[in-house]
């Protein structure tokens, strides 16, 4: 069994409920289940390995990060720019929260978590998004193996679903989560979505923002 960890932001329940329904419809319509294997959240890190001996320290560090957020920008607001796909990359559809003018708090949180991971013994660095590589987003489809014309249809469908379900244009940060992920199918490489075949996850800690 292969084990990884990740850090994510849980958004407020009202937004999450509608985003969950949108994701369920999009994944179900195109039989692309990878995104549905995760809870609805906004990733702060990628997947990273962490020895058992360091999990408690990491948990305490994330509690400290969340505490500082509550002092400076409690329950900060994130505004999305609608549904997007990555140019030249087929299979990924997401709600884009990357507006730097309106997302300063989430970028600051990401930097703080990155520093924490670098300082925690034994954590592999593949979970970090270097430099400007961080894209605050909420996945609606991942690793959809669709022909290009069908994927274009899926993007149009996703935008229509988000509009029809009246998914709010903004969400409040609610909790900072540490998750433990398990997969036999992923092996030692968690790239490429092989984990979608049997992913199981557990929330290790949940700190209010």
N, C-alpha and C. Protein backbone atom coordinates (compact mmCIF):
# COMPACT_ATOMS: atom_id res chain seq x y z
N UNK A 1 0.83 -1.20 0.00
CA UNK A 1 0.00 0.00 0.00
C UNK A 1 0.87 1.25 0.00
N UNK A 2 0.51 2.20 -0.81
CA UNK A 2 1.24 3.46 -0.90
C UNK A 2 0.47 4.53 -0.13
N UNK A 3 1.19 5.32 0.66
CA UNK A 3 0.58 6.34 1.50
C UNK A 3 1.18 7.70 1.18
N UNK A 4 0.33 8.70 1.04
CA UNK A 4 0.77 10.07 0.87
C UNK A 4 -0.11 10.97 1.75
N UNK A 5 0.33 12.20 1.89
CA UNK A 5 -0.43 13.21 2.63
C UNK A 5 -0.67 14.41 1.73
N UNK A 6 -1.65 15.21 2.08
CA UNK A 6 -1.87 16.47 1.38
C UNK A 6 -2.54 17.44 2.34
N UNK A 7 -2.39 18.73 2.06
CA UNK A 7 -3.02 19.78 2.86
C UNK A 7 -4.02 20.50 1.94
N UNK A 8 -5.20 20.79 2.46
CA UNK A 8 -6.25 21.40 1.64
C UNK A 8 -7.08 22.35 2.48
N UNK A 9 -7.78 23.25 1.79
CA UNK A 9 -8.73 24.15 2.44
C UNK A 9 -10.13 23.65 2.18
N UNK A 10 -10.88 23.39 3.24
CA UNK A 10 -12.31 23.13 3.10
C UNK A 10 -13.03 24.48 3.05
N UNK A 11 -13.86 24.68 2.05
CA UNK A 11 -14.60 25.92 1.89
C UNK A 11 -15.92 25.82 2.64
N UNK A 12 -16.60 26.96 2.81
CA UNK A 12 -17.79 26.97 3.63
C UNK A 12 -18.83 25.97 3.12
N UNK A 13 -19.62 25.41 4.05
CA UNK A 13 -20.53 24.31 3.68
C UNK A 13 -21.52 24.65 2.57
N UNK A 14 -22.05 25.86 2.53
CA UNK A 14 -23.02 26.20 1.49
C UNK A 14 -22.38 26.14 0.11
N UNK A 15 -21.18 26.71 -0.02
CA UNK A 15 -20.49 26.64 -1.30
C UNK A 15 -20.14 25.19 -1.63
N UNK A 16 -19.64 24.46 -0.65
CA UNK A 16 -19.21 23.09 -0.87
C UNK A 16 -20.37 22.22 -1.35
N UNK A 17 -21.55 22.41 -0.79
CA UNK A 17 -22.70 21.60 -1.17
C UNK A 17 -23.03 21.76 -2.65
N UNK A 18 -22.99 22.98 -3.14
CA UNK A 18 -23.32 23.21 -4.55
C UNK A 18 -22.17 22.76 -5.46
N UNK A 19 -20.94 23.01 -5.03
CA UNK A 19 -19.80 22.56 -5.83
C UNK A 19 -19.77 21.03 -5.91
N UNK A 20 -20.14 20.37 -4.83
CA UNK A 20 -20.19 18.90 -4.84
C UNK A 20 -21.20 18.39 -5.86
N UNK A 21 -22.36 19.00 -5.89
CA UNK A 21 -23.38 18.58 -6.86
C UNK A 21 -22.89 18.81 -8.29
N UNK A 22 -22.23 19.95 -8.52
CA UNK A 22 -21.71 20.24 -9.85
C UNK A 22 -20.67 19.20 -10.26
N UNK A 23 -19.74 18.92 -9.36
CA UNK A 23 -18.70 17.94 -9.68
C UNK A 23 -19.29 16.57 -9.94
N UNK A 24 -20.28 16.18 -9.16
CA UNK A 24 -20.91 14.87 -9.32
C UNK A 24 -21.56 14.75 -10.71
N UNK A 25 -22.24 15.79 -11.14
CA UNK A 25 -22.88 15.77 -12.46
C UNK A 25 -21.85 15.71 -13.58
N UNK A 26 -20.80 16.50 -13.45
CA UNK A 26 -19.78 16.57 -14.51
C UNK A 26 -19.04 15.23 -14.62
N UNK A 27 -18.61 14.69 -13.49
CA UNK A 27 -17.89 13.41 -13.52
C UNK A 27 -18.79 12.28 -14.00
N UNK A 28 -20.04 12.29 -13.53
CA UNK A 28 -20.96 11.23 -13.93
C UNK A 28 -21.32 11.28 -15.40
N UNK A 29 -21.48 12.48 -15.94
CA UNK A 29 -21.87 12.62 -17.34
C UNK A 29 -20.81 12.08 -18.28
N UNK A 30 -19.53 12.17 -17.87
CA UNK A 30 -18.44 11.77 -18.76
C UNK A 30 -17.64 10.57 -18.21
N UNK A 31 -18.18 9.92 -17.17
CA UNK A 31 -17.57 8.70 -16.62
C UNK A 31 -16.08 8.89 -16.32
N UNK A 32 -15.76 10.03 -15.74
CA UNK A 32 -14.38 10.34 -15.33
C UNK A 32 -14.39 10.53 -13.82
N UNK A 33 -13.94 9.51 -13.08
CA UNK A 33 -14.22 9.47 -11.65
C UNK A 33 -13.08 9.99 -10.76
N UNK A 34 -11.94 10.35 -11.32
CA UNK A 34 -10.79 10.68 -10.47
C UNK A 34 -11.10 11.81 -9.49
N UNK A 35 -11.69 12.90 -9.98
CA UNK A 35 -11.97 14.03 -9.09
C UNK A 35 -12.93 13.64 -7.97
N UNK A 36 -13.86 12.74 -8.26
CA UNK A 36 -14.84 12.32 -7.26
C UNK A 36 -14.24 11.47 -6.15
N UNK A 37 -13.02 11.00 -6.33
CA UNK A 37 -12.38 10.19 -5.30
C UNK A 37 -11.90 11.04 -4.12
N UNK A 38 -11.85 12.36 -4.29
CA UNK A 38 -11.43 13.27 -3.23
C UNK A 38 -12.63 13.97 -2.61
N UNK A 39 -12.44 14.49 -1.40
CA UNK A 39 -13.44 15.40 -0.87
C UNK A 39 -13.37 16.72 -1.63
N UNK A 40 -14.44 17.49 -1.58
CA UNK A 40 -14.47 18.79 -2.26
C UNK A 40 -13.64 19.76 -1.45
N UNK A 41 -12.54 20.23 -2.02
CA UNK A 41 -11.65 21.14 -1.30
C UNK A 41 -10.74 21.84 -2.28
N UNK A 42 -10.01 22.82 -1.78
CA UNK A 42 -9.06 23.57 -2.57
C UNK A 42 -7.66 23.14 -2.14
N UNK A 43 -6.90 22.45 -3.00
CA UNK A 43 -5.58 21.95 -2.60
C UNK A 43 -4.62 23.08 -2.24
N UNK A 44 -3.87 22.87 -1.18
CA UNK A 44 -2.79 23.79 -0.80
C UNK A 44 -1.44 23.20 -1.18
N UNK A 45 -1.33 21.88 -1.16
CA UNK A 45 -0.12 21.18 -1.57
C UNK A 45 -0.49 20.06 -2.53
N UNK A 46 0.53 19.47 -3.15
CA UNK A 46 0.36 18.23 -3.86
C UNK A 46 0.45 17.08 -2.87
N UNK A 47 0.68 15.88 -3.38
CA UNK A 47 0.85 14.71 -2.52
C UNK A 47 2.29 14.64 -2.04
N UNK A 48 2.50 14.34 -0.77
CA UNK A 48 3.86 14.21 -0.25
C UNK A 48 3.93 13.06 0.75
N UNK A 49 5.09 12.44 0.82
CA UNK A 49 5.30 11.40 1.81
C UNK A 49 5.78 12.03 3.11
N UNK A 50 5.40 11.40 4.22
CA UNK A 50 5.75 11.92 5.54
C UNK A 50 5.89 10.75 6.49
N UNK A 51 7.02 10.61 7.17
CA UNK A 51 7.17 9.49 8.11
C UNK A 51 6.21 9.62 9.28
N UNK A 52 5.81 8.48 9.84
CA UNK A 52 4.87 8.50 10.96
C UNK A 52 5.37 9.36 12.11
N UNK A 53 6.67 9.38 12.29
CA UNK A 53 7.25 10.12 13.41
C UNK A 53 7.09 11.63 13.27
N UNK A 54 6.78 12.11 12.05
CA UNK A 54 6.68 13.55 11.82
C UNK A 54 5.24 14.04 11.70
N UNK A 55 4.27 13.12 11.69
CA UNK A 55 2.88 13.53 11.48
C UNK A 55 2.39 14.42 12.62
N UNK A 56 2.72 14.08 13.84
CA UNK A 56 2.28 14.88 14.98
C UNK A 56 2.85 16.29 14.92
N UNK A 57 4.12 16.40 14.55
CA UNK A 57 4.76 17.71 14.41
C UNK A 57 4.10 18.52 13.30
N UNK A 58 3.82 17.86 12.18
CA UNK A 58 3.16 18.53 11.07
C UNK A 58 1.78 19.00 11.47
N UNK A 59 1.04 18.16 12.17
CA UNK A 59 -0.29 18.51 12.65
C UNK A 59 -0.23 19.76 13.52
N UNK A 60 0.71 19.81 14.46
CA UNK A 60 0.85 20.96 15.35
C UNK A 60 1.23 22.21 14.57
N UNK A 61 2.10 22.04 13.57
CA UNK A 61 2.49 23.18 12.75
C UNK A 61 1.34 23.76 11.96
N UNK A 62 0.47 22.89 11.43
CA UNK A 62 -0.69 23.38 10.69
C UNK A 62 -1.68 24.09 11.61
N UNK A 63 -1.77 23.63 12.83
CA UNK A 63 -2.62 24.33 13.81
C UNK A 63 -2.10 25.75 14.03
N UNK A 64 -0.77 25.89 14.08
CA UNK A 64 -0.17 27.21 14.23
C UNK A 64 -0.42 28.10 13.02
N UNK A 65 -0.32 27.52 11.82
CA UNK A 65 -0.58 28.28 10.60
C UNK A 65 -2.02 28.77 10.59
N UNK A 66 -2.95 27.89 10.93
CA UNK A 66 -4.37 28.27 10.96
C UNK A 66 -4.64 29.35 12.00
N UNK A 67 -3.96 29.25 13.12
CA UNK A 67 -4.14 30.26 14.17
C UNK A 67 -3.71 31.64 13.69
N UNK A 68 -2.62 31.72 12.95
CA UNK A 68 -2.16 33.01 12.43
C UNK A 68 -3.14 33.57 11.40
N UNK A 69 -3.73 32.68 10.59
CA UNK A 69 -4.74 33.13 9.63
C UNK A 69 -5.93 33.73 10.37
N UNK A 70 -6.36 33.09 11.45
CA UNK A 70 -7.50 33.61 12.22
C UNK A 70 -7.19 34.99 12.81
N UNK A 71 -5.92 35.23 13.10
CA UNK A 71 -5.53 36.53 13.66
C UNK A 71 -5.51 37.63 12.59
N UNK A 72 -5.10 37.28 11.38
CA UNK A 72 -4.86 38.30 10.35
C UNK A 72 -6.00 38.41 9.33
N UNK A 73 -6.59 37.28 8.95
CA UNK A 73 -7.65 37.32 7.93
C UNK A 73 -8.62 36.15 8.14
N UNK A 74 -9.36 36.17 9.25
CA UNK A 74 -10.25 35.04 9.55
C UNK A 74 -11.32 34.85 8.49
N UNK A 75 -11.56 33.58 8.15
CA UNK A 75 -12.60 33.20 7.20
C UNK A 75 -12.49 34.05 5.93
N UNK A 76 -11.27 34.18 5.41
CA UNK A 76 -11.07 35.03 4.24
C UNK A 76 -11.88 34.53 3.05
N UNK A 77 -12.20 35.47 2.17
CA UNK A 77 -13.05 35.18 1.01
C UNK A 77 -12.19 34.87 -0.20
N UNK A 78 -12.61 33.86 -0.95
CA UNK A 78 -11.98 33.49 -2.22
C UNK A 78 -12.99 33.68 -3.33
N UNK A 79 -12.61 34.40 -4.38
CA UNK A 79 -13.48 34.65 -5.52
C UNK A 79 -12.97 33.87 -6.73
N UNK A 80 -13.85 33.11 -7.36
CA UNK A 80 -13.38 32.34 -8.51
C UNK A 80 -13.69 33.07 -9.81
N UNK A 81 -12.94 32.70 -10.84
CA UNK A 81 -13.08 33.32 -12.16
C UNK A 81 -13.81 32.41 -13.13
N UNK A 82 -14.61 31.51 -12.59
CA UNK A 82 -15.37 30.61 -13.44
C UNK A 82 -14.66 29.29 -13.67
N UNK A 83 -15.20 28.53 -14.62
CA UNK A 83 -14.70 27.19 -14.94
C UNK A 83 -13.64 27.30 -16.03
N UNK A 84 -12.52 26.63 -15.81
CA UNK A 84 -11.42 26.68 -16.77
C UNK A 84 -10.87 25.28 -17.02
N UNK A 85 -10.14 25.15 -18.13
CA UNK A 85 -9.31 23.97 -18.35
C UNK A 85 -7.90 24.49 -18.62
N UNK A 86 -6.92 23.61 -18.58
CA UNK A 86 -5.55 24.01 -18.82
C UNK A 86 -5.25 23.94 -20.31
N UNK A 87 -4.81 25.03 -20.93
CA UNK A 87 -4.50 25.01 -22.36
C UNK A 87 -3.49 23.91 -22.70
N UNK A 88 -3.83 23.10 -23.69
CA UNK A 88 -2.92 22.04 -24.11
C UNK A 88 -2.96 20.80 -23.27
N UNK A 89 -3.78 20.79 -22.21
CA UNK A 89 -3.87 19.62 -21.32
C UNK A 89 -5.31 19.14 -21.31
N UNK A 90 -5.56 17.97 -21.86
CA UNK A 90 -6.91 17.42 -21.89
C UNK A 90 -7.16 16.61 -20.62
N UNK A 91 -8.32 16.80 -20.01
CA UNK A 91 -8.70 15.95 -18.89
C UNK A 91 -8.90 16.65 -17.56
N UNK A 92 -8.51 17.94 -17.46
CA UNK A 92 -8.63 18.64 -16.18
C UNK A 92 -9.55 19.86 -16.35
N UNK A 93 -10.59 19.91 -15.53
CA UNK A 93 -11.51 21.04 -15.49
C UNK A 93 -11.62 21.48 -14.04
N UNK A 94 -11.61 22.78 -13.81
CA UNK A 94 -11.58 23.26 -12.43
C UNK A 94 -12.20 24.64 -12.32
N UNK A 95 -12.56 25.00 -11.08
CA UNK A 95 -12.97 26.37 -10.78
C UNK A 95 -11.71 27.12 -10.38
N UNK A 96 -11.47 28.23 -11.03
CA UNK A 96 -10.20 28.96 -10.93
C UNK A 96 -10.30 30.06 -9.86
N UNK A 97 -9.56 29.88 -8.76
CA UNK A 97 -9.53 30.86 -7.68
C UNK A 97 -8.21 31.63 -7.65
N UNK A 98 -7.54 31.74 -8.79
CA UNK A 98 -6.16 32.22 -8.81
C UNK A 98 -6.01 33.72 -8.98
N UNK A 99 -7.09 34.49 -8.96
CA UNK A 99 -6.98 35.94 -9.13
C UNK A 99 -6.07 36.53 -8.05
N UNK A 100 -4.84 36.96 -8.39
CA UNK A 100 -3.90 37.41 -7.36
C UNK A 100 -4.36 38.65 -6.63
N UNK A 101 -5.21 39.47 -7.25
CA UNK A 101 -5.70 40.67 -6.59
C UNK A 101 -6.71 40.36 -5.50
N UNK A 102 -7.37 39.19 -5.61
CA UNK A 102 -8.42 38.85 -4.65
C UNK A 102 -8.10 37.60 -3.84
N UNK A 103 -6.93 37.05 -4.03
CA UNK A 103 -6.59 35.78 -3.37
C UNK A 103 -5.28 35.88 -2.60
N UNK A 104 -4.94 37.06 -2.09
CA UNK A 104 -3.67 37.22 -1.40
C UNK A 104 -3.57 36.33 -0.17
N UNK A 105 -4.69 36.16 0.53
CA UNK A 105 -4.66 35.36 1.76
C UNK A 105 -4.35 33.90 1.48
N UNK A 106 -4.89 33.35 0.40
CA UNK A 106 -4.63 31.94 0.11
C UNK A 106 -3.20 31.74 -0.35
N UNK A 107 -2.63 32.69 -1.09
CA UNK A 107 -1.22 32.58 -1.47
C UNK A 107 -0.31 32.67 -0.24
N UNK A 108 -0.66 33.55 0.71
CA UNK A 108 0.12 33.65 1.94
C UNK A 108 0.02 32.36 2.74
N UNK A 109 -1.17 31.76 2.79
CA UNK A 109 -1.34 30.48 3.49
C UNK A 109 -0.51 29.40 2.82
N UNK A 110 -0.54 29.37 1.50
CA UNK A 110 0.26 28.39 0.76
C UNK A 110 1.75 28.53 1.08
N UNK A 111 2.25 29.76 1.13
CA UNK A 111 3.66 29.96 1.45
C UNK A 111 3.99 29.49 2.86
N UNK A 112 3.10 29.77 3.80
CA UNK A 112 3.33 29.34 5.18
C UNK A 112 3.37 27.82 5.30
N UNK A 113 2.45 27.15 4.61
CA UNK A 113 2.44 25.69 4.64
C UNK A 113 3.69 25.14 3.97
N UNK A 114 4.13 25.77 2.87
CA UNK A 114 5.35 25.34 2.20
C UNK A 114 6.56 25.42 3.11
N UNK A 115 6.67 26.50 3.86
CA UNK A 115 7.78 26.64 4.81
C UNK A 115 7.70 25.55 5.87
N UNK A 116 6.50 25.29 6.36
CA UNK A 116 6.32 24.24 7.37
C UNK A 116 6.76 22.89 6.84
N UNK A 117 6.37 22.54 5.62
CA UNK A 117 6.77 21.26 5.05
C UNK A 117 8.28 21.16 4.90
N UNK A 118 8.92 22.25 4.51
CA UNK A 118 10.37 22.24 4.35
C UNK A 118 11.08 22.07 5.69
N UNK A 119 10.44 22.51 6.76
CA UNK A 119 11.06 22.45 8.08
C UNK A 119 10.74 21.16 8.82
N UNK A 120 9.78 20.39 8.33
CA UNK A 120 9.39 19.16 9.01
C UNK A 120 10.25 18.00 8.55
N UNK A 121 10.92 17.30 9.47
CA UNK A 121 11.85 16.23 9.10
C UNK A 121 11.19 15.12 8.30
N UNK A 122 11.85 14.70 7.22
CA UNK A 122 11.44 13.53 6.48
C UNK A 122 10.41 13.74 5.41
N UNK A 123 9.90 14.95 5.27
CA UNK A 123 8.87 15.18 4.25
C UNK A 123 9.53 15.34 2.89
N UNK A 124 9.07 14.55 1.93
CA UNK A 124 9.61 14.62 0.58
C UNK A 124 9.08 15.86 -0.11
N UNK A 125 9.92 16.48 -0.92
CA UNK A 125 9.60 17.79 -1.47
C UNK A 125 8.71 17.74 -2.71
N UNK A 126 8.28 16.56 -3.14
CA UNK A 126 7.44 16.53 -4.34
C UNK A 126 6.07 17.16 -4.09
N UNK A 127 5.72 17.36 -2.82
CA UNK A 127 4.43 17.94 -2.51
C UNK A 127 4.38 19.45 -2.62
N UNK A 128 5.51 20.08 -2.87
CA UNK A 128 5.56 21.54 -2.93
C UNK A 128 5.34 22.04 -4.35
N UNK A 129 4.70 23.18 -4.45
CA UNK A 129 4.54 23.85 -5.74
C UNK A 129 5.58 24.96 -5.80
N UNK A 130 6.66 24.81 -6.55
CA UNK A 130 7.75 25.79 -6.50
C UNK A 130 7.38 27.10 -7.17
N UNK A 131 7.98 28.18 -6.65
CA UNK A 131 7.87 29.49 -7.29
C UNK A 131 6.44 29.89 -7.53
N UNK A 132 6.11 30.20 -8.77
CA UNK A 132 4.76 30.63 -9.13
C UNK A 132 3.90 29.47 -9.61
N UNK A 133 4.28 28.25 -9.24
CA UNK A 133 3.56 27.09 -9.74
C UNK A 133 2.25 26.81 -9.05
N UNK A 134 1.93 27.54 -7.97
CA UNK A 134 0.70 27.27 -7.23
C UNK A 134 -0.50 27.89 -7.92
N UNK A 135 -1.54 27.10 -8.13
CA UNK A 135 -2.77 27.56 -8.76
C UNK A 135 -3.94 27.22 -7.84
N UNK A 136 -4.46 28.19 -7.10
CA UNK A 136 -5.62 27.89 -6.26
C UNK A 136 -6.82 27.50 -7.14
N UNK A 137 -7.31 26.29 -6.94
CA UNK A 137 -8.38 25.80 -7.81
C UNK A 137 -9.17 24.72 -7.10
N UNK A 138 -10.37 24.47 -7.60
CA UNK A 138 -11.20 23.39 -7.10
C UNK A 138 -11.48 22.44 -8.26
N UNK A 139 -10.94 21.22 -8.22
CA UNK A 139 -11.08 20.29 -9.35
C UNK A 139 -12.54 19.85 -9.56
N UNK A 140 -12.97 19.88 -10.81
CA UNK A 140 -14.28 19.37 -11.21
C UNK A 140 -14.15 18.12 -12.07
N UNK A 141 -13.02 17.96 -12.74
CA UNK A 141 -12.69 16.74 -13.47
C UNK A 141 -11.17 16.61 -13.46
N UNK A 142 -10.68 15.40 -13.27
CA UNK A 142 -9.25 15.13 -13.32
C UNK A 142 -8.99 13.88 -14.16
N UNK A 143 -7.94 13.94 -14.95
CA UNK A 143 -7.49 12.80 -15.74
C UNK A 143 -8.63 12.18 -16.56
N UNK A 144 -9.43 13.05 -17.15
CA UNK A 144 -10.48 12.57 -18.04
C UNK A 144 -9.88 12.15 -19.38
N UNK A 145 -9.90 10.88 -19.66
CA UNK A 145 -9.31 10.37 -20.91
C UNK A 145 -10.35 10.47 -22.02
N UNK A 146 -10.53 11.68 -22.52
CA UNK A 146 -11.56 11.96 -23.51
C UNK A 146 -10.93 12.47 -24.80
N UNK A 147 -11.48 12.12 -25.95
CA UNK A 147 -11.03 12.74 -27.20
C UNK A 147 -11.20 14.25 -27.11
N UNK A 148 -10.34 14.99 -27.79
CA UNK A 148 -10.35 16.45 -27.68
C UNK A 148 -11.73 17.07 -27.93
N UNK A 149 -12.48 16.65 -28.96
CA UNK A 149 -13.82 17.25 -29.16
C UNK A 149 -14.77 16.95 -28.01
N UNK A 150 -14.67 15.74 -27.44
CA UNK A 150 -15.54 15.39 -26.32
C UNK A 150 -15.15 16.18 -25.08
N UNK A 151 -13.86 16.39 -24.89
CA UNK A 151 -13.41 17.19 -23.75
C UNK A 151 -13.91 18.63 -23.88
N UNK A 152 -13.90 19.17 -25.10
CA UNK A 152 -14.44 20.51 -25.31
C UNK A 152 -15.91 20.57 -24.91
N UNK A 153 -16.66 19.51 -25.25
CA UNK A 153 -18.06 19.42 -24.81
C UNK A 153 -18.15 19.42 -23.29
N UNK A 154 -17.24 18.68 -22.65
CA UNK A 154 -17.26 18.56 -21.19
C UNK A 154 -17.01 19.91 -20.52
N UNK A 155 -16.12 20.72 -21.08
CA UNK A 155 -15.87 22.05 -20.54
C UNK A 155 -17.12 22.91 -20.64
N UNK A 156 -17.77 22.86 -21.81
CA UNK A 156 -19.02 23.62 -21.99
C UNK A 156 -20.09 23.14 -21.02
N UNK A 157 -20.18 21.82 -20.87
CA UNK A 157 -21.16 21.23 -19.96
C UNK A 157 -20.88 21.69 -18.53
N UNK A 158 -19.62 21.68 -18.12
CA UNK A 158 -19.26 22.07 -16.76
C UNK A 158 -19.65 23.51 -16.48
N UNK A 159 -19.40 24.39 -17.44
CA UNK A 159 -19.76 25.80 -17.24
C UNK A 159 -21.28 25.96 -17.10
N UNK A 160 -22.03 25.22 -17.91
CA UNK A 160 -23.48 25.31 -17.84
C UNK A 160 -24.00 24.77 -16.51
N UNK A 161 -23.41 23.68 -16.03
CA UNK A 161 -23.85 23.09 -14.76
C UNK A 161 -23.57 24.04 -13.59
N UNK A 162 -22.38 24.62 -13.55
CA UNK A 162 -22.04 25.56 -12.47
C UNK A 162 -22.99 26.75 -12.48
N UNK A 163 -23.36 27.22 -13.67
CA UNK A 163 -24.30 28.33 -13.77
C UNK A 163 -25.70 27.91 -13.33
N UNK A 164 -26.15 26.75 -13.81
CA UNK A 164 -27.51 26.29 -13.52
C UNK A 164 -27.71 26.01 -12.04
N UNK A 165 -26.69 25.46 -11.39
CA UNK A 165 -26.78 25.15 -9.96
C UNK A 165 -26.53 26.37 -9.08
N UNK A 166 -26.23 27.48 -9.73
CA UNK A 166 -25.99 28.73 -9.01
C UNK A 166 -24.91 28.57 -7.95
N UNK A 167 -23.80 27.91 -8.36
CA UNK A 167 -22.65 27.81 -7.46
C UNK A 167 -22.16 29.24 -7.20
N UNK A 168 -22.05 29.65 -5.95
CA UNK A 168 -21.68 31.04 -5.65
C UNK A 168 -20.35 31.44 -6.30
N UNK A 169 -20.23 32.72 -6.60
CA UNK A 169 -19.00 33.23 -7.20
C UNK A 169 -17.89 33.42 -6.21
N UNK A 170 -18.20 33.28 -4.92
CA UNK A 170 -17.19 33.44 -3.87
C UNK A 170 -17.45 32.41 -2.78
N UNK A 171 -16.40 32.08 -2.05
CA UNK A 171 -16.50 31.12 -0.96
C UNK A 171 -15.63 31.61 0.20
N UNK A 172 -16.01 31.23 1.40
CA UNK A 172 -15.20 31.57 2.58
C UNK A 172 -14.34 30.38 2.95
N UNK A 173 -13.08 30.65 3.29
CA UNK A 173 -12.22 29.60 3.82
C UNK A 173 -12.79 29.15 5.17
N UNK A 174 -12.89 27.85 5.37
CA UNK A 174 -13.57 27.32 6.56
C UNK A 174 -12.65 26.51 7.46
N UNK A 175 -11.92 25.54 6.90
CA UNK A 175 -11.03 24.70 7.69
C UNK A 175 -9.75 24.41 6.91
N UNK A 176 -8.64 24.26 7.63
CA UNK A 176 -7.39 23.80 7.05
C UNK A 176 -7.26 22.32 7.39
N UNK A 177 -7.16 21.48 6.37
CA UNK A 177 -7.21 20.04 6.55
C UNK A 177 -5.86 19.38 6.26
N UNK A 178 -5.54 18.37 7.05
CA UNK A 178 -4.44 17.46 6.74
C UNK A 178 -5.07 16.10 6.46
N UNK A 179 -4.78 15.54 5.28
CA UNK A 179 -5.38 14.27 4.89
C UNK A 179 -4.30 13.22 4.64
N UNK A 180 -4.62 12.00 5.06
CA UNK A 180 -3.78 10.84 4.73
C UNK A 180 -4.48 10.06 3.62
N UNK A 181 -3.75 9.78 2.54
CA UNK A 181 -4.29 9.12 1.37
C UNK A 181 -3.65 7.75 1.21
N UNK A 182 -4.44 6.75 0.84
CA UNK A 182 -3.93 5.40 0.64
C UNK A 182 -4.37 4.88 -0.72
N UNK A 183 -3.46 4.21 -1.41
CA UNK A 183 -3.79 3.61 -2.70
C UNK A 183 -2.81 2.49 -3.00
N UNK A 184 -3.33 1.35 -3.43
CA UNK A 184 -2.47 0.28 -3.93
C UNK A 184 -2.10 0.53 -5.38
N UNK A 185 -3.04 1.07 -6.14
CA UNK A 185 -2.83 1.25 -7.58
C UNK A 185 -1.79 2.32 -7.88
N UNK A 186 -1.63 3.30 -7.00
CA UNK A 186 -0.71 4.40 -7.27
C UNK A 186 0.74 3.95 -7.31
N UNK A 187 1.06 2.92 -6.54
CA UNK A 187 2.47 2.51 -6.46
C UNK A 187 3.30 3.61 -5.81
N UNK A 188 4.52 3.76 -6.24
CA UNK A 188 5.39 4.78 -5.67
C UNK A 188 5.29 6.11 -6.40
N UNK A 189 4.61 6.14 -7.52
CA UNK A 189 4.44 7.39 -8.26
C UNK A 189 2.97 7.78 -8.24
N UNK A 190 2.69 8.94 -7.69
CA UNK A 190 1.30 9.40 -7.62
C UNK A 190 0.97 10.34 -8.77
N UNK A 191 1.76 10.30 -9.81
CA UNK A 191 1.48 11.08 -11.00
C UNK A 191 0.55 10.30 -11.92
N UNK A 192 -0.22 11.01 -12.72
CA UNK A 192 -1.01 10.35 -13.75
C UNK A 192 -2.35 9.81 -13.32
N UNK A 193 -2.70 9.96 -12.03
CA UNK A 193 -4.03 9.58 -11.59
C UNK A 193 -4.29 8.10 -11.40
N UNK A 194 -3.24 7.30 -11.30
CA UNK A 194 -3.47 5.86 -11.09
C UNK A 194 -4.18 5.59 -9.77
N UNK A 195 -4.03 6.49 -8.81
CA UNK A 195 -4.68 6.35 -7.51
C UNK A 195 -6.21 6.33 -7.62
N UNK A 196 -6.76 6.81 -8.73
CA UNK A 196 -8.22 6.91 -8.86
C UNK A 196 -8.90 5.55 -8.76
N UNK A 197 -8.15 4.47 -9.03
CA UNK A 197 -8.76 3.13 -9.01
C UNK A 197 -9.18 2.69 -7.62
N UNK A 198 -8.48 3.18 -6.58
CA UNK A 198 -8.78 2.64 -5.24
C UNK A 198 -8.45 3.61 -4.11
N UNK A 199 -8.47 4.91 -4.38
CA UNK A 199 -8.08 5.89 -3.37
C UNK A 199 -8.99 5.83 -2.14
N UNK A 200 -8.37 5.83 -0.98
CA UNK A 200 -9.07 6.01 0.29
C UNK A 200 -8.40 7.15 1.02
N UNK A 201 -9.16 7.95 1.74
CA UNK A 201 -8.55 9.06 2.45
C UNK A 201 -9.19 9.24 3.83
N UNK A 202 -8.42 9.87 4.70
CA UNK A 202 -8.85 10.11 6.08
C UNK A 202 -8.42 11.52 6.47
N UNK A 203 -9.33 12.28 7.07
CA UNK A 203 -8.96 13.60 7.59
C UNK A 203 -8.25 13.41 8.91
N UNK A 204 -6.97 13.79 8.95
CA UNK A 204 -6.16 13.64 10.15
C UNK A 204 -6.38 14.80 11.12
N UNK A 205 -6.50 16.00 10.57
CA UNK A 205 -6.77 17.16 11.42
C UNK A 205 -7.56 18.19 10.65
N UNK A 206 -8.32 19.00 11.38
CA UNK A 206 -9.17 20.03 10.79
C UNK A 206 -9.12 21.25 11.71
N UNK A 207 -8.44 22.31 11.24
CA UNK A 207 -8.25 23.50 12.06
C UNK A 207 -9.06 24.66 11.50
N UNK A 208 -9.85 25.33 12.33
CA UNK A 208 -10.67 26.44 11.83
C UNK A 208 -9.82 27.59 11.31
N UNK A 209 -10.27 28.17 10.20
CA UNK A 209 -9.63 29.34 9.63
C UNK A 209 -10.45 30.59 9.94
